[in-house]
Structures are given as structure tokens and as C-alpha cells.
């Protein structure tokens, strides 16, 4: 089910280190849940290296202790399936 309108800002901070964050972000993009140029704030374990979907661009990434966090933006044109 689509939201009433696409989100401009999404926080992705799963409670467990095993979550496939890249897959979650891909679903947000593919299902049309993100507005063009939406921002995503993502937290994950510092040791995890994530291959981001091609439609996400890094705005800023940083590590603090055992947490890596970052701000990402969606591409302007997000394809809907």
C-alpha cells in the first residue's frame, strides 16, 4: 500500500545488526515511497560495509564508536514499477 504521499525524510535504524539496509532502501525507492530528492538518515554497525542502491547518493557519512551513520539523498527521478 502506498502512503498518501511519498516521504521527504526517512529514518532507517533497524534494531538488529542483521538487517539488510540496502534492500530496505531499495524497496523504498522501487515502491515509490520516496519523494524526488528525499533524504534518508541511516544507522548501522560501524563494521558493516553497505553497497548502496545506485539511486542513492551519499550526502555525508561518519562513524562514532560502534555506529556508522549517514545522510543520503534519492535521485531526482525514481522509477516506479
C-alpha atoms as a PDB file:
ATOM      1  CA  UNK A   1       0.000   0.000   0.000  1.00  0.00           C
ATOM      2  CA  UNK A   2       1.369   3.382  -0.967  1.00  0.00           C
ATOM      3  CA  UNK A   3       1.429   6.184   1.577  1.00  0.00           C
ATOM      4  CA  UNK A   4      -0.904   9.136   0.941  1.00  0.00           C
ATOM      5  CA  UNK A   5       2.105  10.941  -0.490  1.00  0.00           C
ATOM      6  CA  UNK A   6       5.790   9.991  -0.827  1.00  0.00           C
ATOM      7  CA  UNK A   7       8.057  10.672   2.134  1.00  0.00           C
ATOM      8  CA  UNK A   8      10.536  13.568   2.096  1.00  0.00           C
ATOM      9  CA  UNK A   9      12.588  12.218   5.019  1.00  0.00           C
ATOM     10  CA  UNK A  10      13.023   8.629   6.274  1.00  0.00           C
ATOM     11  CA  UNK A  11      14.995   7.269   9.224  1.00  0.00           C
ATOM     12  CA  UNK A  12      16.369   3.738   8.712  1.00  0.00           C
ATOM     13  CA  UNK A  13      17.647   2.468  12.053  1.00  0.00           C
ATOM     14  CA  UNK A  14      16.817  -1.234  12.376  1.00  0.00           C
ATOM     15  CA  UNK A  15      17.090  -2.692  15.877  1.00  0.00           C
ATOM     16  CA  UNK A  16      19.293  -5.606  14.824  1.00  0.00           C
ATOM     17  CA  UNK A  17      22.640  -5.702  13.058  1.00  0.00           C
ATOM     18  CA  UNK A  18      21.476  -8.401  10.642  1.00  0.00           C
ATOM     19  CA  UNK A  19      19.001  -6.207   8.761  1.00  0.00           C
ATOM     20  CA  UNK A  20      19.668  -5.779   5.040  1.00  0.00           C
ATOM     21  CA  UNK A  21      19.645  -1.994   4.990  1.00  0.00           C
ATOM     22  CA  UNK A  22      20.465  -1.737   1.283  1.00  0.00           C
ATOM     23  CA  UNK A  23      17.450  -3.927   0.494  1.00  0.00           C
ATOM     24  CA  UNK A  24      15.201  -1.785   2.704  1.00  0.00           C
ATOM     25  CA  UNK A  25      16.379   1.349   0.887  1.00  0.00           C
ATOM     26  CA  UNK A  26      15.855  -0.325  -2.498  1.00  0.00           C
ATOM     27  CA  UNK A  27      12.269  -1.180  -1.543  1.00  0.00           C
ATOM     28  CA  UNK A  28      11.618   2.420  -0.522  1.00  0.00           C
ATOM     29  CA  UNK A  29      12.909   3.597  -3.889  1.00  0.00           C
ATOM     30  CA  UNK A  30      11.230   0.971  -6.080  1.00  0.00           C
ATOM     31  CA  UNK A  31       7.823   1.186  -4.435  1.00  0.00           C
ATOM     32  CA  UNK A  32       7.568   4.947  -4.852  1.00  0.00           C
ATOM     33  CA  UNK A  33       7.594   5.711  -1.130  1.00  0.00           C
ATOM     34  CA  UNK A  34      10.264   8.410  -1.514  1.00  0.00           C
ATOM     35  CA  UNK A  35       9.710  11.846  -2.987  1.00  0.00           C
ATOM     36  CA  UNK A  36      12.234  13.055  -5.563  1.00  0.00           C
ATOM     37  CA  UNK A  37      15.321  14.257  -3.682  1.00  0.00           C
ATOM     38  CA  UNK A  38      14.074  12.664  -0.434  1.00  0.00           C
ATOM     39  CA  UNK A  39      16.612  12.353   2.371  1.00  0.00           C
ATOM     40  CA  UNK A  40      17.366   9.143   4.259  1.00  0.00           C
ATOM     41  CA  UNK A  41      19.160   9.015   7.600  1.00  0.00           C
ATOM     42  CA  UNK A  42      20.680   5.558   8.120  1.00  0.00           C
ATOM     43  CA  UNK A  43      22.376   3.986  11.150  1.00  0.00           C
ATOM     44  CA  UNK A  44      24.158   0.641  11.099  1.00  0.00           C
ATOM     45  CA  UNK A  45      27.043  -1.164  12.823  1.00  0.00           C
ATOM     46  CA  UNK A  46      30.369   0.555  12.087  1.00  0.00           C
ATOM     47  CA  UNK A  47      31.982  -2.634  10.775  1.00  0.00           C
ATOM     48  CA  UNK A  48      29.279  -3.141   8.119  1.00  0.00           C
ATOM     49  CA  UNK A  49      30.100  -2.079   4.574  1.00  0.00           C
ATOM     50  CA  UNK A  50      26.905  -1.465   2.623  1.00  0.00           C
ATOM     51  CA  UNK A  51      26.613  -1.350  -1.167  1.00  0.00           C
ATOM     52  CA  UNK A  52      24.057   1.400  -1.642  1.00  0.00           C
ATOM     53  CA  UNK A  53      21.486   1.229  -4.434  1.00  0.00           C
ATOM     54  CA  UNK A  54      22.586   3.275  -7.462  1.00  0.00           C
ATOM     55  CA  UNK A  55      19.716   5.707  -6.939  1.00  0.00           C
ATOM     56  CA  UNK A  56      21.076   6.812  -3.555  1.00  0.00           C
ATOM     57  CA  UNK A  57      23.813   9.397  -3.279  1.00  0.00           C
ATOM     58  CA  UNK A  58      25.914   9.944  -0.169  1.00  0.00           C
ATOM     59  CA  UNK A  59      25.475  13.397   1.367  1.00  0.00           C
ATOM     60  CA  UNK A  60      27.559  12.654   4.470  1.00  0.00           C
ATOM     61  CA  UNK A  61      28.800   9.569   6.330  1.00  0.00           C
ATOM     62  CA  UNK A  62      30.513   9.362   9.685  1.00  0.00           C
ATOM     63  CA  UNK A  63      31.448   6.787  12.323  1.00  0.00           C
ATOM     64  CA  UNK A  64      31.152   7.278  16.071  1.00  0.00           C
ATOM     65  CA  UNK A  65      32.223   4.370  18.230  1.00  0.00           C
ATOM     66  CA  UNK A  66      30.416   1.244  17.027  1.00  0.00           C
ATOM     67  CA  UNK A  67      27.895   3.084  14.835  1.00  0.00           C
ATOM     68  CA  UNK A  68      28.156   4.290  11.246  1.00  0.00           C
ATOM     69  CA  UNK A  69      25.574   6.869  10.300  1.00  0.00           C
ATOM     70  CA  UNK A  70      24.897   8.831   7.206  1.00  0.00           C
ATOM     71  CA  UNK A  71      22.609  11.057   5.256  1.00  0.00           C
ATOM     72  CA  UNK A  72      21.706  10.007   1.724  1.00  0.00           C
ATOM     73  CA  UNK A  73      19.557  11.519  -0.985  1.00  0.00           C
ATOM     74  CA  UNK A  74      17.362   9.810  -3.532  1.00  0.00           C
ATOM     75  CA  UNK A  75      17.918  10.501  -7.206  1.00  0.00           C
ATOM     76  CA  UNK A  76      15.588  13.075  -8.724  1.00  0.00           C
ATOM     77  CA  UNK A  77      13.883  10.552 -10.977  1.00  0.00           C
ATOM     78  CA  UNK A  78      12.799   7.402  -9.162  1.00  0.00           C
ATOM     79  CA  UNK A  79      11.333   4.719 -11.424  1.00  0.00           C
ATOM     80  CA  UNK A  80       8.001   3.230 -10.352  1.00  0.00           C
ATOM     81  CA  UNK A  81       7.252  -0.411 -11.166  1.00  0.00           C
END
